[in-house]
Amino acid sequence: MTISCIGSGNMGTALMAGAANAGSVDIGFTDVDKSKANAAAASLKGRVFASNTEALQRGDFVFLAVKPQVLSAVLQEIAPAVKERLFKNTERPLTLVSMAPGWSIGKIQGVLDVKAPVVRIMPNTPSLISRGVIVMAPSEEVSPEVIMDLEKILSGAGFVDHLEEKYLDAVTGLSGSGPAYVYMFIEALSDGGVLSGLPRDKALRYAAQTVMGAAAMVLETGKHPGELKDMVASPGGTTIAGISALENGSFRATAMNAVEAAWRRARELG
């Protein structure tokens, strides 16, 4: 199986690394920055294609790992090769995999001017260490067998789930953008530790480990976060005092607003 990745940024390279971990695949990159493509290919013992068109011609799965602002130009460039593959080379199925926020399957097919098999995915940056969340939504042209192959490819980068496409912008606001919010929270916890007298390196380690452990508790116990919170917050104790301070700062409402703002921006990009 050959996987082409148009774009060699952090996310595209992370998913290709996951694909390499998941099975025997031939991986190739293209990028306007040739040095980045060369570096990504070298790290995974892959190849560099001469052009986006060559990447399209050779790939069974072609990942569109470019920013939404340039996706239209890339689609217009590869459209003739897509049509040729679909109409003249049917023995080798082609599937396009887009991770561009806001770009619907219908819009991608519209720019291509053909009902190509397209899978929209929304990964997040922990895919770089194989702990990502990758949510996928296929077009009706994608066969169940191809979906299974793609899920295997993506599973090397983290947890893979399926949702209807209409939810993908909300996924972008939550798990796509969410790591940035968590990093800010870890930084803030660490700063609070330093304010209370802890050494910086200790405070950061304790904050990060606390967030990781708390997340594992949610996933492994299956209990609601509110129930787990109440297990920590004893009457008149230190934790409930801290929770009160967070609520005075509209902590939960602010987090909700952040997800909603990212969701709205994803819709605007489309």
C-alpha atoms as a PDB file:
ATOM      1  CA  MET A   1       0.000   0.000   0.000  1.00  0.00           C
ATOM      2  CA  THR A   2       1.293   3.432  -0.938  1.00  0.00           C
ATOM      3  CA  ILE A   3       0.353   6.478   1.114  1.00  0.00           C
ATOM      4  CA  SER A   4       1.001   9.947  -0.255  1.00  0.00           C
ATOM      5  CA  CYS A   5       1.040  12.960   2.027  1.00  0.00           C
ATOM      6  CA  ILE A   6       0.655  16.351   0.388  1.00  0.00           C
ATOM      7  CA  GLY A   7       2.174  18.584   3.049  1.00  0.00           C
ATOM      8  CA  SER A   8       4.827  17.586   5.569  1.00  0.00           C
ATOM      9  CA  GLY A   9       3.968  19.615   8.652  1.00  0.00           C
ATOM     10  CA  ASN A  10       3.738  18.225  12.165  1.00  0.00           C
ATOM     11  CA  MET A  11       0.296  16.679  11.813  1.00  0.00           C
ATOM     12  CA  GLY A  12       0.833  15.072   8.423  1.00  0.00           C
ATOM     13  CA  THR A  13       4.181  13.658   9.511  1.00  0.00           C
ATOM     14  CA  ALA A  14       2.682  12.398  12.785  1.00  0.00           C
ATOM     15  CA  LEU A  15      -0.046  10.502  10.957  1.00  0.00           C
ATOM     16  CA  MET A  16       2.475   9.049   8.529  1.00  0.00           C
ATOM     17  CA  ALA A  17       4.604   7.901  11.467  1.00  0.00           C
ATOM     18  CA  GLY A  18       1.512   6.228  12.882  1.00  0.00           C
ATOM     19  CA  ALA A  19       0.865   4.564   9.539  1.00  0.00           C
ATOM     20  CA  ALA A  20       4.426   3.264   9.501  1.00  0.00           C
ATOM     21  CA  ASN A  21       3.909   1.850  12.996  1.00  0.00           C
ATOM     22  CA  ALA A  22       0.601   0.234  12.021  1.00  0.00           C
ATOM     23  CA  GLY A  23       1.882  -1.868   9.128  1.00  0.00           C
ATOM     24  CA  SER A  24       3.986  -2.279   6.022  1.00  0.00           C
ATOM     25  CA  VAL A  25       3.376   0.785   3.850  1.00  0.00           C
ATOM     26  CA  ASP A  26       5.250   2.858   1.304  1.00  0.00           C
ATOM     27  CA  ILE A  27       5.096   6.546   2.301  1.00  0.00           C
ATOM     28  CA  GLY A  28       5.872   9.588   0.190  1.00  0.00           C
ATOM     29  CA  PHE A  29       5.693  13.343   0.763  1.00  0.00           C
ATOM     30  CA  THR A  30       5.379  16.563  -1.182  1.00  0.00           C
ATOM     31  CA  ASP A  31       5.729  20.087   0.161  1.00  0.00           C
ATOM     32  CA  VAL A  32       6.361  23.567  -1.183  1.00  0.00           C
ATOM     33  CA  ASP A  33       9.288  23.531   1.241  1.00  0.00           C
ATOM     34  CA  LYS A  34      11.408  20.734  -0.227  1.00  0.00           C
ATOM     35  CA  SER A  35      13.657  20.605   2.843  1.00  0.00           C
ATOM     36  CA  LYS A  36      10.662  19.753   5.028  1.00  0.00           C
ATOM     37  CA  ALA A  37       9.554  17.001   2.658  1.00  0.00           C
ATOM     38  CA  ASN A  38      13.082  15.598   2.579  1.00  0.00           C
ATOM     39  CA  ALA A  39      13.308  15.632   6.369  1.00  0.00           C
ATOM     40  CA  ALA A  40       9.935  13.933   6.801  1.00  0.00           C
ATOM     41  CA  ALA A  41      10.783  11.281   4.220  1.00  0.00           C
ATOM     42  CA  ALA A  42      14.176  10.627   5.784  1.00  0.00           C
ATOM     43  CA  SER A  43      12.667  10.207   9.258  1.00  0.00           C
ATOM     44  CA  LEU A  44      10.307   7.496   8.001  1.00  0.00           C
ATOM     45  CA  LYS A  45      12.514   5.962   5.301  1.00  0.00           C
ATOM     46  CA  GLY A  46      10.027   7.202   2.738  1.00  0.00           C
ATOM     47  CA  ARG A  47      10.314   9.060  -0.534  1.00  0.00           C
ATOM     48  CA  VAL A  48       9.733  12.535  -1.899  1.00  0.00           C
ATOM     49  CA  PHE A  49       7.465  12.950  -4.907  1.00  0.00           C
ATOM     50  CA  ALA A  50       8.366  15.450  -7.586  1.00  0.00           C
ATOM     51  CA  SER A  51       4.918  17.070  -7.528  1.00  0.00           C
ATOM     52  CA  ASN A  52       1.460  16.900  -6.017  1.00  0.00           C
ATOM     53  CA  THR A  53       0.263  15.297  -9.233  1.00  0.00           C
ATOM     54  CA  GLU A  54       2.785  12.479  -8.891  1.00  0.00           C
ATOM     55  CA  ALA A  55       1.717  12.007  -5.274  1.00  0.00           C
ATOM     56  CA  LEU A  56      -1.869  11.672  -6.477  1.00  0.00           C
ATOM     57  CA  GLN A  57      -0.974   9.247  -9.228  1.00  0.00           C
ATOM     58  CA  ARG A  58       0.973   6.915  -6.947  1.00  0.00           C
ATOM     59  CA  GLY A  59      -0.970   6.922  -3.704  1.00  0.00           C
ATOM     60  CA  ASP A  60      -3.717   4.519  -2.689  1.00  0.00           C
ATOM     61  CA  PHE A  61      -4.489   6.929   0.141  1.00  0.00           C
ATOM     62  CA  VAL A  62      -3.637  10.569  -0.531  1.00  0.00           C
ATOM     63  CA  PHE A  63      -3.579  12.688   2.617  1.00  0.00           C
ATOM     64  CA  LEU A  64      -4.288  16.387   2.105  1.00  0.00           C
ATOM     65  CA  ALA A  65      -2.246  17.745   5.000  1.00  0.00           C
ATOM     66  CA  VAL A  66      -2.318  21.410   4.007  1.00  0.00           C
ATOM     67  CA  LYS A  67      -3.873  24.483   5.582  1.00  0.00           C
ATOM     68  CA  PRO A  68      -7.491  25.210   4.616  1.00  0.00           C
ATOM     69  CA  GLN A  69      -6.432  28.505   3.025  1.00  0.00           C
ATOM     70  CA  VAL A  70      -4.382  26.685   0.351  1.00  0.00           C
ATOM     71  CA  LEU A  71      -6.487  23.552  -0.060  1.00  0.00           C
ATOM     72  CA  SER A  72      -8.459  24.967  -2.987  1.00  0.00           C
ATOM     73  CA  ALA A  73      -5.283  25.559  -5.011  1.00  0.00           C
ATOM     74  CA  VAL A  74      -4.027  22.032  -4.260  1.00  0.00           C
ATOM     75  CA  LEU A  75      -7.352  20.481  -5.259  1.00  0.00           C
ATOM     76  CA  GLN A  76      -7.412  22.390  -8.535  1.00  0.00           C
ATOM     77  CA  GLU A  77      -3.871  21.238  -9.250  1.00  0.00           C
ATOM     78  CA  ILE A  78      -4.582  17.546  -8.703  1.00  0.00           C
ATOM     79  CA  ALA A  79      -8.144  17.488 -10.138  1.00  0.00           C
ATOM     80  CA  PRO A  80      -7.116  16.230 -13.632  1.00  0.00           C
ATOM     81  CA  ALA A  81      -5.093  13.391 -12.094  1.00  0.00           C
ATOM     82  CA  VAL A  82      -7.970  12.512  -9.760  1.00  0.00           C
ATOM     83  CA  LYS A  83     -10.358  12.184 -12.700  1.00  0.00           C
ATOM     84  CA  GLU A  84      -7.841  10.100 -14.634  1.00  0.00           C
ATOM     85  CA  ARG A  85      -7.387   7.742 -11.699  1.00  0.00           C
ATOM     86  CA  LEU A  86     -11.106   7.360 -11.171  1.00  0.00           C
ATOM     87  CA  PHE A  87     -12.099   6.864 -14.795  1.00  0.00           C
ATOM     88  CA  LYS A  88      -9.058   5.207 -16.391  1.00  0.00           C
ATOM     89  CA  ASN A  89      -7.270   3.336 -13.632  1.00  0.00           C
ATOM     90  CA  THR A  90     -10.015   1.617 -11.700  1.00  0.00           C
ATOM     91  CA  GLU A  91      -7.866  -1.377 -10.672  1.00  0.00           C
ATOM     92  CA  ARG A  92      -6.157   0.834  -8.062  1.00  0.00           C
ATOM     93  CA  PRO A  93      -8.745   2.446  -5.756  1.00  0.00           C
ATOM     94  CA  LEU A  94      -8.056   6.048  -4.776  1.00  0.00           C
ATOM     95  CA  THR A  95      -9.111   7.651  -1.506  1.00  0.00           C
ATOM     96  CA  LEU A  96      -8.481  11.262  -0.540  1.00  0.00           C
ATOM     97  CA  VAL A  97      -8.087  12.000   3.173  1.00  0.00           C
ATOM     98  CA  SER A  98      -8.541  15.629   4.191  1.00  0.00           C
ATOM     99  CA  MET A  99      -7.756  17.118   7.586  1.00  0.00           C
ATOM    100  CA  ALA A 100      -8.566  20.731   6.686  1.00  0.00           C
ATOM    101  CA  PRO A 101     -10.907  22.326   9.255  1.00  0.00           C
ATOM    102  CA  GLY A 102     -14.220  23.494   7.874  1.00  0.00           C
ATOM    103  CA  TRP A 103     -13.851  21.989   4.407  1.00  0.00           C
ATOM    104  CA  SER A 104     -16.828  19.699   3.823  1.00  0.00           C
ATOM    105  CA  ILE A 105     -16.700  16.612   1.635  1.00  0.00           C
ATOM    106  CA  GLY A 106     -19.148  18.282  -0.735  1.00  0.00           C
ATOM    107  CA  LYS A 107     -16.945  21.351  -1.077  1.00  0.00           C
ATOM    108  CA  ILE A 108     -13.865  19.220  -1.768  1.00  0.00           C
ATOM    109  CA  GLN A 109     -15.722  17.237  -4.422  1.00  0.00           C
ATOM    110  CA  GLY A 110     -17.063  20.476  -5.867  1.00  0.00           C
ATOM    111  CA  VAL A 111     -13.592  21.919  -6.417  1.00  0.00           C
ATOM    112  CA  LEU A 112     -12.443  18.601  -7.914  1.00  0.00           C
ATOM    113  CA  ASP A 113     -15.574  18.548 -10.084  1.00  0.00           C
ATOM    114  CA  VAL A 114     -15.973  14.819  -9.489  1.00  0.00           C
ATOM    115  CA  LYS A 115     -17.535  12.577  -6.827  1.00  0.00           C
ATOM    116  CA  ALA A 116     -14.203  11.271  -5.599  1.00  0.00           C
ATOM    117  CA  PRO A 117     -13.966   9.034  -2.520  1.00  0.00           C
ATOM    118  CA  VAL A 118     -13.131  11.423   0.325  1.00  0.00           C
ATOM    119  CA  VAL A 119     -12.657  10.877   4.044  1.00  0.00           C
ATOM    120  CA  ARG A 120     -12.591  13.895   6.341  1.00  0.00           C
ATOM    121  CA  ILE A 121     -10.579  13.449   9.504  1.00  0.00           C
ATOM    122  CA  MET A 122      -9.853  15.648  12.483  1.00  0.00           C
ATOM    123  CA  PRO A 123      -6.710  14.605  14.374  1.00  0.00           C
ATOM    124  CA  ASN A 124      -4.959  16.434  17.184  1.00  0.00           C
ATOM    125  CA  THR A 125      -1.339  17.051  18.114  1.00  0.00           C
ATOM    126  CA  PRO A 126      -0.926  14.196  20.651  1.00  0.00           C
ATOM    127  CA  SER A 127      -0.886  12.060  17.500  1.00  0.00           C
ATOM    128  CA  LEU A 128       2.803  13.017  17.492  1.00  0.00           C
ATOM    129  CA  ILE A 129       3.308  10.590  20.388  1.00  0.00           C
ATOM    130  CA  SER A 130       0.642   8.043  19.287  1.00  0.00           C
ATOM    131  CA  ARG A 131      -1.880   9.333  21.845  1.00  0.00           C
ATOM    132  CA  GLY A 132      -4.058  11.397  19.572  1.00  0.00           C
ATOM    133  CA  VAL A 133      -7.772  11.538  18.922  1.00  0.00           C
ATOM    134  CA  ILE A 134      -8.607  11.040  15.244  1.00  0.00           C
ATOM    135  CA  VAL A 135     -12.256  11.321  14.211  1.00  0.00           C
ATOM    136  CA  MET A 136     -13.203  10.288  10.680  1.00  0.00           C
ATOM    137  CA  ALA A 137     -16.220  10.757   8.405  1.00  0.00           C
ATOM    138  CA  PRO A 138     -16.235   9.097   4.947  1.00  0.00           C
ATOM    139  CA  SER A 139     -18.173  10.034   1.842  1.00  0.00           C
ATOM    140  CA  GLU A 140     -20.638   7.512   0.434  1.00  0.00           C
ATOM    141  CA  GLU A 141     -18.126   6.624  -2.305  1.00  0.00           C
ATOM    142  CA  VAL A 142     -15.746   5.047   0.232  1.00  0.00           C
ATOM    143  CA  SER A 143     -16.173   1.288   0.645  1.00  0.00           C
ATOM    144  CA  PRO A 144     -16.292  -0.446   4.050  1.00  0.00           C
ATOM    145  CA  GLU A 145     -13.048  -2.265   3.174  1.00  0.00           C
ATOM    146  CA  VAL A 146     -11.253   1.012   2.513  1.00  0.00           C
ATOM    147  CA  ILE A 147     -12.580   2.457   5.776  1.00  0.00           C
ATOM    148  CA  MET A 148     -11.146  -0.525   7.653  1.00  0.00           C
ATOM    149  CA  ASP A 149      -7.771  -0.065   5.949  1.00  0.00           C
ATOM    150  CA  LEU A 150      -7.745   3.633   6.819  1.00  0.00           C
ATOM    151  CA  GLU A 151      -8.704   2.968  10.424  1.00  0.00           C
ATOM    152  CA  LYS A 152      -5.747   0.580  10.695  1.00  0.00           C
ATOM    153  CA  ILE A 153      -3.436   3.236   9.237  1.00  0.00           C
ATOM    154  CA  LEU A 154      -4.666   5.913  11.644  1.00  0.00           C
ATOM    155  CA  SER A 155      -4.709   3.667  14.722  1.00  0.00           C
ATOM    156  CA  GLY A 156      -0.932   3.918  14.932  1.00  0.00           C
ATOM    157  CA  ALA A 157      -1.376   7.590  15.876  1.00  0.00           C
ATOM    158  CA  GLY A 158      -3.991   7.138  18.584  1.00  0.00           C
ATOM    159  CA  PHE A 159      -7.682   6.552  19.262  1.00  0.00           C
ATOM    160  CA  VAL A 160      -9.831   6.461  16.115  1.00  0.00           C
ATOM    161  CA  ASP A 161     -13.575   7.082  16.114  1.00  0.00           C
ATOM    162  CA  HIS A 162     -16.324   7.538  13.507  1.00  0.00           C
ATOM    163  CA  LEU A 163     -18.910  10.324  13.393  1.00  0.00           C
ATOM    164  CA  GLU A 164     -21.289  11.829  10.878  1.00  0.00           C
ATOM    165  CA  GLU A 165     -19.633  14.664   8.978  1.00  0.00           C
ATOM    166  CA  LYS A 166     -22.007  17.264  10.423  1.00  0.00           C
ATOM    167  CA  TYR A 167     -20.198  16.914  13.773  1.00  0.00           C
ATOM    168  CA  LEU A 168     -16.649  17.439  12.447  1.00  0.00           C
ATOM    169  CA  ASP A 169     -16.533  21.194  13.088  1.00  0.00           C
ATOM    170  CA  ALA A 170     -17.536  20.600  16.708  1.00  0.00           C
ATOM    171  CA  VAL A 171     -14.804  17.955  16.960  1.00  0.00           C
ATOM    172  CA  THR A 172     -12.383  20.597  15.668  1.00  0.00           C
ATOM    173  CA  GLY A 173     -13.362  22.940  18.495  1.00  0.00           C
ATOM    174  CA  LEU A 174     -13.103  20.238  21.156  1.00  0.00           C
ATOM    175  CA  SER A 175     -10.374  17.666  20.497  1.00  0.00           C
ATOM    176  CA  GLY A 176      -8.711  19.404  17.543  1.00  0.00           C
ATOM    177  CA  SER A 177      -8.064  22.657  19.405  1.00  0.00           C
ATOM    178  CA  GLY A 178      -8.442  21.219  22.903  1.00  0.00           C
ATOM    179  CA  PRO A 179      -4.784  20.326  23.534  1.00  0.00           C
ATOM    180  CA  ALA A 180      -3.921  24.041  23.437  1.00  0.00           C
ATOM    181  CA  TYR A 181      -6.466  24.741  26.168  1.00  0.00           C
ATOM    182  CA  VAL A 182      -5.060  21.899  28.269  1.00  0.00           C
ATOM    183  CA  TYR A 183      -1.497  23.180  27.824  1.00  0.00           C
ATOM    184  CA  MET A 184      -2.650  26.565  29.079  1.00  0.00           C
ATOM    185  CA  PHE A 185      -4.302  24.915  32.082  1.00  0.00           C
ATOM    186  CA  ILE A 186      -1.139  22.945  32.876  1.00  0.00           C
ATOM    187  CA  GLU A 187       0.883  26.146  32.623  1.00  0.00           C
ATOM    188  CA  ALA A 188      -1.561  27.949  34.902  1.00  0.00           C
ATOM    189  CA  LEU A 189      -1.480  25.130  37.482  1.00  0.00           C
ATOM    190  CA  SER A 190       2.303  25.239  37.374  1.00  0.00           C
ATOM    191  CA  ASP A 191       2.317  29.013  37.843  1.00  0.00           C
ATOM    192  CA  GLY A 192       0.016  28.581  40.835  1.00  0.00           C
ATOM    193  CA  GLY A 193       2.460  26.121  42.315  1.00  0.00           C
ATOM    194  CA  VAL A 194       5.326  28.546  41.825  1.00  0.00           C
ATOM    195  CA  LEU A 195       3.234  31.325  43.389  1.00  0.00           C
ATOM    196  CA  SER A 196       2.762  29.045  46.384  1.00  0.00           C
ATOM    197  CA  GLY A 197       6.512  28.445  46.701  1.00  0.00           C
ATOM    198  CA  LEU A 198       7.267  25.330  44.622  1.00  0.00           C
ATOM    199  CA  PRO A 199      10.341  25.175  42.360  1.00  0.00           C
ATOM    200  CA  ARG A 200       9.378  25.704  38.712  1.00  0.00           C
ATOM    201  CA  ASP A 201      10.534  22.281  37.461  1.00  0.00           C
ATOM    202  CA  LYS A 202       8.677  20.465  40.233  1.00  0.00           C
ATOM    203  CA  ALA A 203       5.513  22.516  39.758  1.00  0.00           C
ATOM    204  CA  LEU A 204       5.417  21.806  36.022  1.00  0.00           C
ATOM    205  CA  ARG A 205       5.985  18.077  36.500  1.00  0.00           C
ATOM    206  CA  TYR A 206       3.314  17.834  39.194  1.00  0.00           C
ATOM    207  CA  ALA A 207       0.820  19.810  37.090  1.00  0.00           C
ATOM    208  CA  ALA A 208       1.331  17.715  33.959  1.00  0.00           C
ATOM    209  CA  GLN A 209       1.195  14.436  35.871  1.00  0.00           C
ATOM    210  CA  THR A 210      -1.958  15.564  37.688  1.00  0.00           C
ATOM    211  CA  VAL A 211      -3.752  16.337  34.412  1.00  0.00           C
ATOM    212  CA  MET A 212      -2.643  13.027  32.897  1.00  0.00           C
ATOM    213  CA  GLY A 213      -3.759  11.071  35.942  1.00  0.00           C
ATOM    214  CA  ALA A 214      -7.103  12.847  36.160  1.00  0.00           C
ATOM    215  CA  ALA A 215      -7.786  12.150  32.466  1.00  0.00           C
ATOM    216  CA  ALA A 216      -6.942   8.484  32.989  1.00  0.00           C
ATOM    217  CA  MET A 217      -9.387   8.352  35.909  1.00  0.00           C
ATOM    218  CA  VAL A 218     -12.210   9.597  33.666  1.00  0.00           C
ATOM    219  CA  LEU A 219     -11.416   7.068  30.941  1.00  0.00           C
ATOM    220  CA  GLU A 220     -10.658   4.066  33.127  1.00  0.00           C
ATOM    221  CA  THR A 221     -13.336   4.376  35.796  1.00  0.00           C
ATOM    222  CA  GLY A 222     -16.144   5.449  33.479  1.00  0.00           C
ATOM    223  CA  LYS A 223     -17.368   7.817  36.176  1.00  0.00           C
ATOM    224  CA  HIS A 224     -18.704  11.279  35.393  1.00  0.00           C
ATOM    225  CA  PRO A 225     -16.127  14.044  35.954  1.00  0.00           C
ATOM    226  CA  GLY A 226     -18.497  15.683  38.422  1.00  0.00           C
ATOM    227  CA  GLU A 227     -18.553  12.537  40.543  1.00  0.00           C
ATOM    228  CA  LEU A 228     -14.765  12.303  40.489  1.00  0.00           C
ATOM    229  CA  LYS A 229     -14.553  15.984  41.441  1.00  0.00           C
ATOM    230  CA  ASP A 230     -16.826  15.388  44.436  1.00  0.00           C
ATOM    231  CA  MET A 231     -14.571  12.531  45.563  1.00  0.00           C
ATOM    232  CA  VAL A 232     -11.754  15.072  45.990  1.00  0.00           C
ATOM    233  CA  ALA A 233     -13.758  17.983  47.404  1.00  0.00           C
ATOM    234  CA  SER A 234     -14.437  17.321  51.100  1.00  0.00           C
ATOM    235  CA  PRO A 235     -16.697  19.751  53.044  1.00  0.00           C
ATOM    236  CA  GLY A 236     -14.900  22.901  54.079  1.00  0.00           C
ATOM    237  CA  GLY A 237     -11.616  21.630  52.666  1.00  0.00           C
ATOM    238  CA  THR A 238      -8.870  22.942  50.409  1.00  0.00           C
ATOM    239  CA  THR A 239     -10.261  21.584  47.141  1.00  0.00           C
ATOM    240  CA  ILE A 240     -13.710  23.142  47.449  1.00  0.00           C
ATOM    241  CA  ALA A 241     -12.018  26.467  48.197  1.00  0.00           C
ATOM    242  CA  GLY A 242     -10.056  26.153  44.963  1.00  0.00           C
ATOM    243  CA  ILE A 243     -13.185  25.144  43.033  1.00  0.00           C
ATOM    244  CA  SER A 244     -14.943  28.229  44.361  1.00  0.00           C
ATOM    245  CA  ALA A 245     -12.112  30.400  43.032  1.00  0.00           C
ATOM    246  CA  LEU A 246     -12.375  28.747  39.608  1.00  0.00           C
ATOM    247  CA  GLU A 247     -16.133  29.292  39.519  1.00  0.00           C
ATOM    248  CA  ASN A 248     -15.693  32.939  40.517  1.00  0.00           C
ATOM    249  CA  GLY A 249     -13.554  33.245  37.378  1.00  0.00           C
ATOM    250  CA  SER A 250     -16.230  31.557  35.205  1.00  0.00           C
ATOM    251  CA  PHE A 251     -13.857  28.648  34.581  1.00  0.00           C
ATOM    252  CA  ARG A 252     -16.342  26.233  33.049  1.00  0.00           C
ATOM    253  CA  ALA A 253     -18.170  28.865  31.042  1.00  0.00           C
ATOM    254  CA  THR A 254     -14.870  30.137  29.644  1.00  0.00           C
ATOM    255  CA  ALA A 255     -13.819  26.618  28.604  1.00  0.00           C
ATOM    256  CA  MET A 256     -17.171  26.083  26.902  1.00  0.00           C
ATOM    257  CA  ASN A 257     -16.864  29.421  25.131  1.00  0.00           C
ATOM    258  CA  ALA A 258     -13.397  28.461  23.858  1.00  0.00           C
ATOM    259  CA  VAL A 259     -14.738  25.281  22.237  1.00  0.00           C
ATOM    260  CA  GLU A 260     -17.652  27.190  20.728  1.00  0.00           C
ATOM    261  CA  ALA A 261     -15.356  29.920  19.367  1.00  0.00           C
ATOM    262  CA  ALA A 262     -13.124  27.324  17.688  1.00  0.00           C
ATOM    263  CA  TRP A 263     -16.210  25.583  16.268  1.00  0.00           C
ATOM    264  CA  ARG A 264     -17.438  28.861  14.798  1.00  0.00           C
ATOM    265  CA  ARG A 265     -14.017  29.566  13.291  1.00  0.00           C
ATOM    266  CA  ALA A 266     -13.957  26.121  11.708  1.00  0.00           C
ATOM    267  CA  ARG A 267     -17.281  26.892  10.047  1.00  0.00           C
ATOM    268  CA  GLU A 268     -15.915  30.211   8.808  1.00  0.00           C
ATOM    269  CA  LEU A 269     -12.870  28.495   7.253  1.00  0.00           C
ATOM    270  CA  GLY A 270     -15.210  26.332   5.238  1.00  0.00           C
END
